[in-house]
Amino acid sequence: MCMAFYIGSKKELPIIPYDINKPSFHTTLIGENEEVIHKHMSFQNILYFGSNQGCGCGFRHAPLYKGEWLFFEDEEENPPEEQQQNHQELYNYIRTHVENNAKVEIYGCWEEEFAEDPKLTEEISLDDLINKNFYFKERGFYIVKTGG
Protein backbone atom coordinates (compact mmCIF):
# COMPACT_ATOMS: atom_id res chain seq x y z
CA MET A 1 0.00 0.00 0.00
CA CYS A 2 1.20 3.53 -0.79
CA MET A 3 0.71 7.00 0.57
CA ALA A 4 -1.84 9.10 -1.29
CA PHE A 5 -1.86 12.89 -1.24
CA TYR A 6 -4.60 15.29 -2.25
CA ILE A 7 -4.52 19.01 -2.84
CA GLY A 8 -7.60 21.22 -2.69
CA SER A 9 -7.73 24.74 -4.08
CA LYS A 10 -10.16 27.58 -4.65
CA LYS A 11 -9.43 27.42 -8.38
CA GLU A 12 -8.79 24.51 -10.68
CA LEU A 13 -5.17 23.44 -10.76
CA PRO A 14 -3.49 21.94 -13.84
CA ILE A 15 -3.09 18.25 -14.47
CA ILE A 16 0.51 17.11 -14.89
CA PRO A 17 0.51 13.55 -16.26
CA TYR A 18 2.92 10.97 -14.88
CA ASP A 19 5.67 10.20 -17.39
CA ILE A 20 7.15 6.75 -16.84
CA ASN A 21 10.18 7.76 -18.97
CA LYS A 22 10.84 10.81 -16.78
CA PRO A 23 9.21 10.12 -13.40
CA SER A 24 8.55 13.22 -11.32
CA PHE A 25 5.85 15.18 -9.54
CA HIS A 26 2.45 14.73 -11.18
CA THR A 27 -1.24 15.40 -10.60
CA THR A 28 -4.40 13.62 -11.66
CA LEU A 29 -8.11 13.92 -11.23
CA ILE A 30 -9.43 11.93 -8.30
CA GLY A 31 -11.08 8.62 -9.07
CA GLU A 32 -14.64 7.68 -8.27
CA ASN A 33 -13.49 5.65 -5.25
CA GLU A 34 -11.65 8.73 -3.95
CA GLU A 35 -14.67 11.08 -4.07
CA VAL A 36 -15.08 10.66 -0.30
CA ILE A 37 -12.00 12.89 0.08
CA HIS A 38 -14.37 15.84 -0.40
CA LYS A 39 -15.58 15.39 3.18
CA HIS A 40 -12.14 16.49 4.43
CA MET A 41 -11.63 19.48 2.14
CA SER A 42 -13.31 22.86 2.11
CA PHE A 43 -12.44 23.41 -1.57
CA GLN A 44 -14.24 21.63 -4.39
CA ASN A 45 -11.23 21.56 -6.73
CA ILE A 46 -9.27 18.52 -5.57
CA LEU A 47 -6.48 16.61 -7.30
CA TYR A 48 -4.35 13.65 -6.36
CA PHE A 49 -0.61 14.39 -6.47
CA GLY A 50 2.26 11.98 -6.60
CA SER A 51 6.03 11.78 -6.68
CA ASN A 52 8.71 10.35 -8.91
CA GLN A 53 7.77 6.94 -7.50
CA GLY A 54 4.35 7.13 -9.17
CA CYS A 55 2.60 7.45 -5.78
CA GLY A 56 2.95 9.57 -2.66
CA CYS A 57 5.71 7.45 -1.13
CA GLY A 58 8.42 9.66 -2.65
CA PHE A 59 7.56 12.50 -0.27
CA ARG A 60 8.97 12.59 3.25
CA HIS A 61 6.18 11.13 5.34
CA ALA A 62 5.72 9.76 8.82
CA PRO A 63 3.49 6.68 9.17
CA LEU A 64 1.10 6.50 12.09
CA TYR A 65 1.77 3.58 14.43
CA LYS A 66 -0.15 3.05 17.68
CA GLY A 67 -1.11 6.72 17.80
CA GLU A 68 2.41 8.04 17.15
CA TRP A 69 4.08 9.21 13.95
CA LEU A 70 7.29 7.39 13.08
CA PHE A 71 9.99 9.57 11.56
CA PHE A 72 12.57 7.46 9.79
CA GLU A 73 14.31 7.33 6.45
CA ASP A 74 14.86 4.35 4.22
CA GLU A 75 17.61 5.87 2.11
CA GLU A 76 17.82 2.89 -0.25
CA GLU A 77 14.10 2.93 -1.05
CA ASN A 78 13.67 6.68 -0.92
CA PRO A 79 16.94 8.67 -1.22
CA PRO A 80 16.85 12.07 0.57
CA GLU A 81 17.79 13.98 -2.59
CA GLU A 82 14.82 12.45 -4.46
CA GLN A 83 12.49 13.26 -1.55
CA GLN A 84 13.73 16.84 -1.54
CA GLN A 85 13.23 17.10 -5.30
CA ASN A 86 9.63 15.89 -4.91
CA HIS A 87 9.00 18.48 -2.18
CA GLN A 88 10.62 21.16 -4.36
CA GLU A 89 8.40 20.27 -7.31
CA LEU A 90 5.27 20.40 -5.11
CA TYR A 91 6.43 23.79 -3.80
CA ASN A 92 7.03 25.04 -7.38
CA TYR A 93 3.62 23.75 -8.50
CA ILE A 94 1.80 25.60 -5.73
CA ARG A 95 3.90 28.75 -6.10
CA THR A 96 3.26 28.80 -9.86
CA HIS A 97 -0.45 27.97 -9.90
CA VAL A 98 -1.89 29.42 -6.68
CA GLU A 99 -2.29 33.12 -6.07
CA ASN A 100 -0.10 34.77 -3.47
CA ASN A 101 -1.86 35.06 -0.09
CA ALA A 102 -4.19 32.21 -1.02
CA LYS A 103 -4.43 28.85 0.73
CA VAL A 104 -4.45 25.27 -0.42
CA GLU A 105 -5.31 22.18 1.57
CA ILE A 106 -3.34 18.95 1.54
CA TYR A 107 -4.46 15.64 3.00
CA GLY A 108 -2.28 12.53 3.13
CA CYS A 109 -3.36 9.00 3.96
CA TRP A 110 -2.72 5.44 2.90
CA GLU A 111 -4.44 4.47 -0.34
CA GLU A 112 -7.92 3.11 0.25
CA GLU A 113 -8.19 4.98 3.58
CA PHE A 114 -9.65 8.12 2.02
CA ALA A 115 -12.68 8.17 4.32
CA GLU A 116 -10.57 8.11 7.50
CA ASP A 117 -10.71 11.41 9.36
CA PRO A 118 -7.51 13.43 9.81
CA LYS A 119 -5.59 12.84 13.03
CA LEU A 120 -4.24 16.40 13.04
CA THR A 121 -4.68 19.71 11.30
CA GLU A 122 -1.70 22.03 10.86
CA GLU A 123 -1.36 25.43 9.24
CA ILE A 124 1.99 25.69 7.50
CA SER A 125 3.71 28.09 5.14
CA LEU A 126 4.59 27.22 1.58
CA ASP A 127 8.26 27.38 2.57
CA ASP A 128 7.71 24.63 5.16
CA LEU A 129 7.21 22.17 2.30
CA ILE A 130 10.86 22.50 1.26
CA ASN A 131 12.29 22.43 4.77
CA LYS A 132 14.31 19.20 4.97
CA ASN A 133 12.87 18.55 8.45
CA PHE A 134 9.27 18.68 7.22
CA TYR A 135 7.46 15.35 6.97
CA PHE A 136 3.86 14.84 5.93
CA LYS A 137 2.19 12.96 8.75
CA GLU A 138 -0.10 10.09 7.82
CA ARG A 139 -3.70 11.33 8.06
CA GLY A 140 -2.40 14.85 8.44
CA PHE A 141 -4.47 17.71 7.06
CA TYR A 142 -2.44 20.78 6.09
CA ILE A 143 -3.58 24.29 5.36
CA VAL A 144 -0.77 25.78 3.30
CA LYS A 145 -0.51 29.58 3.22
CA THR A 146 1.14 30.86 0.06
CA GLY A 147 2.26 34.23 1.34
CA GLY A 148 1.72 37.12 3.66
Foldseek 3Di string as FASTA:
>chain_A
DAKKKKKAFQDAADFADADLVQQAKTKDQDDPLLVLLVVADPHPHMIIIDGSVPHPRQAAEFEADPNDTHHDDDCVVHNLVRNLRRLVVVLVRCLVGPDAQGKMKMFMAGPPCSNDAAPEEEEEESVLSNDSPDHHYHSYMYIYHDYD
